[in-house]
Structure formats: C-alpha cells, structure tokens
C-alpha cells in the first residue's frame, strides 16, 4: 500500500515544484524576448539548470520522506546537468562566433576590388 506523504515534506516539495515551473517559464520568456543570439543563450540555460535543480531537490525530499532514509541518487543527475548544460552553451556560442567571423570575412572579400 502507498504511504501518504508527510506534510513536512509535501509543502516544501510543492513549493520547489512551483518555483521550478516559474524559473522555467521565465527562461522561456527570455528566449522569446531577447534580441541577439548571445543574450538568448543565458535565459534558457538558467531555466534549465535552476529549474531542474529545484525538481531534483523536491524529488530527493519526497523519496527521503517515503523511504525514511536519505536518498541521494538524484545528485548524480544534478552533477551531470551542471557539467553538460554550460558546456553545451559554450559550444553553441563558439559556433555562433565562428559563423559571424566567417560571414564578416566573406563580406570583406566581396568588397575588395578585383584586379
């Protein structure tokens, strides 16, 4: 039979889940509203990292309350997310910088007079 979640764990878990939703919504709105590619990269990364962190914290709290011991399996997910999200953002930004540089080089080559 499924045990009910104690109130001391249910309320913080619910607050963390709502906070995660708000952070993700703000990150998504930042993606839509910001003008340049470089500024757009920050908002979703923030929503991704902090939003998932709040969900994982709520998951740790609920699992620990139901099993009557500390459950930290979700920390592995957090570690992998903290490592991969910034690396992905850096790679996307570097490719955008390289593309912009290549387009500028092509434009300057077209502006040169033919001899």
C-alpha atoms as a PDB file:
ATOM      1  CA  UNK A   1       0.000   0.000   0.000  1.00  0.00           C
ATOM      2  CA  UNK A   2       1.253   3.501  -0.810  1.00  0.00           C
ATOM      3  CA  UNK A   3       2.123   5.610   2.187  1.00  0.00           C
ATOM      4  CA  UNK A   4       0.911   9.168   2.239  1.00  0.00           C
ATOM      5  CA  UNK A   5       3.490  11.884   2.084  1.00  0.00           C
ATOM      6  CA  UNK A   6       4.019  13.724   5.387  1.00  0.00           C
ATOM      7  CA  UNK A   7       3.010  17.365   5.423  1.00  0.00           C
ATOM      8  CA  UNK A   8       6.526  18.495   6.381  1.00  0.00           C
ATOM      9  CA  UNK A   9       7.781  17.053   3.087  1.00  0.00           C
ATOM     10  CA  UNK A  10       4.766  17.763   0.874  1.00  0.00           C
ATOM     11  CA  UNK A  11       4.718  21.546   1.369  1.00  0.00           C
ATOM     12  CA  UNK A  12       8.420  22.217   0.580  1.00  0.00           C
ATOM     13  CA  UNK A  13       8.239  19.788  -2.364  1.00  0.00           C
ATOM     14  CA  UNK A  14       5.199  21.617  -3.754  1.00  0.00           C
ATOM     15  CA  UNK A  15       6.922  24.990  -3.302  1.00  0.00           C
ATOM     16  CA  UNK A  16      10.042  23.698  -5.075  1.00  0.00           C
ATOM     17  CA  UNK A  17       7.966  22.353  -7.974  1.00  0.00           C
ATOM     18  CA  UNK A  18       6.089  25.642  -8.387  1.00  0.00           C
ATOM     19  CA  UNK A  19       9.381  27.557  -8.169  1.00  0.00           C
ATOM     20  CA  UNK A  20      10.851  25.267 -10.814  1.00  0.00           C
ATOM     21  CA  UNK A  21       7.920  25.966 -13.108  1.00  0.00           C
ATOM     22  CA  UNK A  22       8.285  29.714 -12.634  1.00  0.00           C
ATOM     23  CA  UNK A  23      12.020  29.648 -13.299  1.00  0.00           C
ATOM     24  CA  UNK A  24      11.495  27.584 -16.451  1.00  0.00           C
ATOM     25  CA  UNK A  25       8.736  29.954 -17.607  1.00  0.00           C
ATOM     26  CA  UNK A  26      10.996  32.970 -17.072  1.00  0.00           C
ATOM     27  CA  UNK A  27      13.770  31.237 -19.030  1.00  0.00           C
ATOM     28  CA  UNK A  28      11.376  30.512 -21.880  1.00  0.00           C
ATOM     29  CA  UNK A  29      10.120  34.104 -21.936  1.00  0.00           C
ATOM     30  CA  UNK A  30      13.727  35.303 -22.022  1.00  0.00           C
ATOM     31  CA  UNK A  31      14.315  33.093 -25.040  1.00  0.00           C
ATOM     32  CA  UNK A  32      11.387  34.726 -26.815  1.00  0.00           C
ATOM     33  CA  UNK A  33      12.022  38.331 -25.776  1.00  0.00           C
ATOM     34  CA  UNK A  34      15.771  38.820 -26.011  1.00  0.00           C
ATOM     35  CA  UNK A  35      17.109  40.097 -29.321  1.00  0.00           C
ATOM     36  CA  UNK A  36      20.529  38.626 -30.021  1.00  0.00           C
ATOM     37  CA  UNK A  37      21.576  35.000 -30.048  1.00  0.00           C
ATOM     38  CA  UNK A  38      24.198  35.583 -27.363  1.00  0.00           C
ATOM     39  CA  UNK A  39      21.750  37.069 -24.874  1.00  0.00           C
ATOM     40  CA  UNK A  40      19.192  34.375 -25.688  1.00  0.00           C
ATOM     41  CA  UNK A  41      21.627  31.696 -24.583  1.00  0.00           C
ATOM     42  CA  UNK A  42      21.591  32.785 -20.954  1.00  0.00           C
ATOM     43  CA  UNK A  43      17.876  32.668 -20.190  1.00  0.00           C
ATOM     44  CA  UNK A  44      17.162  29.032 -21.187  1.00  0.00           C
ATOM     45  CA  UNK A  45      20.378  27.830 -19.570  1.00  0.00           C
ATOM     46  CA  UNK A  46      19.302  29.459 -16.320  1.00  0.00           C
ATOM     47  CA  UNK A  47      15.855  27.914 -16.596  1.00  0.00           C
ATOM     48  CA  UNK A  48      17.309  24.544 -17.432  1.00  0.00           C
ATOM     49  CA  UNK A  49      19.849  24.436 -14.631  1.00  0.00           C
ATOM     50  CA  UNK A  50      17.886  26.044 -11.801  1.00  0.00           C
ATOM     51  CA  UNK A  51      14.537  24.573 -12.840  1.00  0.00           C
ATOM     52  CA  UNK A  52      15.818  21.021 -12.928  1.00  0.00           C
ATOM     53  CA  UNK A  53      17.758  21.598  -9.700  1.00  0.00           C
ATOM     54  CA  UNK A  54      14.520  22.537  -7.891  1.00  0.00           C
ATOM     55  CA  UNK A  55      12.751  19.467  -9.284  1.00  0.00           C
ATOM     56  CA  UNK A  56      15.606  17.207  -8.216  1.00  0.00           C
ATOM     57  CA  UNK A  57      15.650  18.751  -4.751  1.00  0.00           C
ATOM     58  CA  UNK A  58      11.908  18.114  -4.430  1.00  0.00           C
ATOM     59  CA  UNK A  59      12.465  14.538  -5.636  1.00  0.00           C
ATOM     60  CA  UNK A  60      15.190  13.975  -3.035  1.00  0.00           C
ATOM     61  CA  UNK A  61      12.904  15.344  -0.322  1.00  0.00           C
ATOM     62  CA  UNK A  62       9.907  13.191  -1.301  1.00  0.00           C
ATOM     63  CA  UNK A  63      11.926   9.995  -1.799  1.00  0.00           C
ATOM     64  CA  UNK A  64      13.715  10.503   1.522  1.00  0.00           C
ATOM     65  CA  UNK A  65      10.430  11.086   3.338  1.00  0.00           C
ATOM     66  CA  UNK A  66       8.787   7.991   1.850  1.00  0.00           C
ATOM     67  CA  UNK A  67      11.747   5.667   2.421  1.00  0.00           C
ATOM     68  CA  UNK A  68      12.560   7.040   5.910  1.00  0.00           C
ATOM     69  CA  UNK A  69      16.222   7.495   4.967  1.00  0.00           C
ATOM     70  CA  UNK A  70      18.239   9.976   2.932  1.00  0.00           C
ATOM     71  CA  UNK A  71      18.041   9.211  -0.797  1.00  0.00           C
ATOM     72  CA  UNK A  72      20.614  10.984  -2.929  1.00  0.00           C
ATOM     73  CA  UNK A  73      20.532   9.111  -6.254  1.00  0.00           C
ATOM     74  CA  UNK A  74      19.255  12.289  -7.888  1.00  0.00           C
ATOM     75  CA  UNK A  75      22.508  14.083  -7.098  1.00  0.00           C
ATOM     76  CA  UNK A  76      24.124  12.177  -9.975  1.00  0.00           C
ATOM     77  CA  UNK A  77      21.577  13.751 -12.344  1.00  0.00           C
ATOM     78  CA  UNK A  78      22.363  17.170 -10.885  1.00  0.00           C
ATOM     79  CA  UNK A  79      26.102  16.687 -11.354  1.00  0.00           C
ATOM     80  CA  UNK A  80      25.681  15.591 -14.967  1.00  0.00           C
ATOM     81  CA  UNK A  81      23.360  18.520 -15.664  1.00  0.00           C
ATOM     82  CA  UNK A  82      25.722  21.041 -14.090  1.00  0.00           C
ATOM     83  CA  UNK A  83      28.537  19.677 -16.253  1.00  0.00           C
ATOM     84  CA  UNK A  84      26.709  19.352 -19.572  1.00  0.00           C
ATOM     85  CA  UNK A  85      24.478  22.464 -19.698  1.00  0.00           C
ATOM     86  CA  UNK A  86      27.287  25.059 -19.588  1.00  0.00           C
ATOM     87  CA  UNK A  87      29.447  23.038 -21.990  1.00  0.00           C
ATOM     88  CA  UNK A  88      26.586  22.932 -24.492  1.00  0.00           C
ATOM     89  CA  UNK A  89      26.016  26.679 -24.142  1.00  0.00           C
ATOM     90  CA  UNK A  90      29.725  27.380 -24.654  1.00  0.00           C
ATOM     91  CA  UNK A  91      29.865  25.212 -27.767  1.00  0.00           C
ATOM     92  CA  UNK A  92      26.809  26.925 -29.251  1.00  0.00           C
ATOM     93  CA  UNK A  93      28.262  30.369 -28.543  1.00  0.00           C
ATOM     94  CA  UNK A  94      31.637  29.459 -30.045  1.00  0.00           C
ATOM     95  CA  UNK A  95      29.993  28.172 -33.193  1.00  0.00           C
ATOM     96  CA  UNK A  96      27.951  31.384 -33.469  1.00  0.00           C
ATOM     97  CA  UNK A  97      31.096  33.494 -33.058  1.00  0.00           C
ATOM     98  CA  UNK A  98      32.909  31.421 -35.683  1.00  0.00           C
ATOM     99  CA  UNK A  99      29.966  31.742 -38.087  1.00  0.00           C
ATOM    100  CA  UNK A 100      29.809  35.504 -37.581  1.00  0.00           C
ATOM    101  CA  UNK A 101      33.559  35.789 -38.174  1.00  0.00           C
ATOM    102  CA  UNK A 102      33.318  33.703 -41.368  1.00  0.00           C
ATOM    103  CA  UNK A 103      30.437  35.834 -42.694  1.00  0.00           C
ATOM    104  CA  UNK A 104      32.444  39.002 -41.986  1.00  0.00           C
ATOM    105  CA  UNK A 105      35.448  37.555 -43.813  1.00  0.00           C
ATOM    106  CA  UNK A 106      33.315  36.696 -46.835  1.00  0.00           C
ATOM    107  CA  UNK A 107      31.820  40.199 -46.843  1.00  0.00           C
ATOM    108  CA  UNK A 108      35.252  41.846 -46.776  1.00  0.00           C
ATOM    109  CA  UNK A 109      36.451  39.605 -49.599  1.00  0.00           C
ATOM    110  CA  UNK A 110      33.489  40.677 -51.735  1.00  0.00           C
ATOM    111  CA  UNK A 111      34.191  44.344 -51.030  1.00  0.00           C
ATOM    112  CA  UNK A 112      37.790  44.098 -52.294  1.00  0.00           C
ATOM    113  CA  UNK A 113      38.276  45.402 -55.821  1.00  0.00           C
ATOM    114  CA  UNK A 114      39.022  42.784 -58.462  1.00  0.00           C
ATOM    115  CA  UNK A 115      42.426  43.202 -60.177  1.00  0.00           C
END
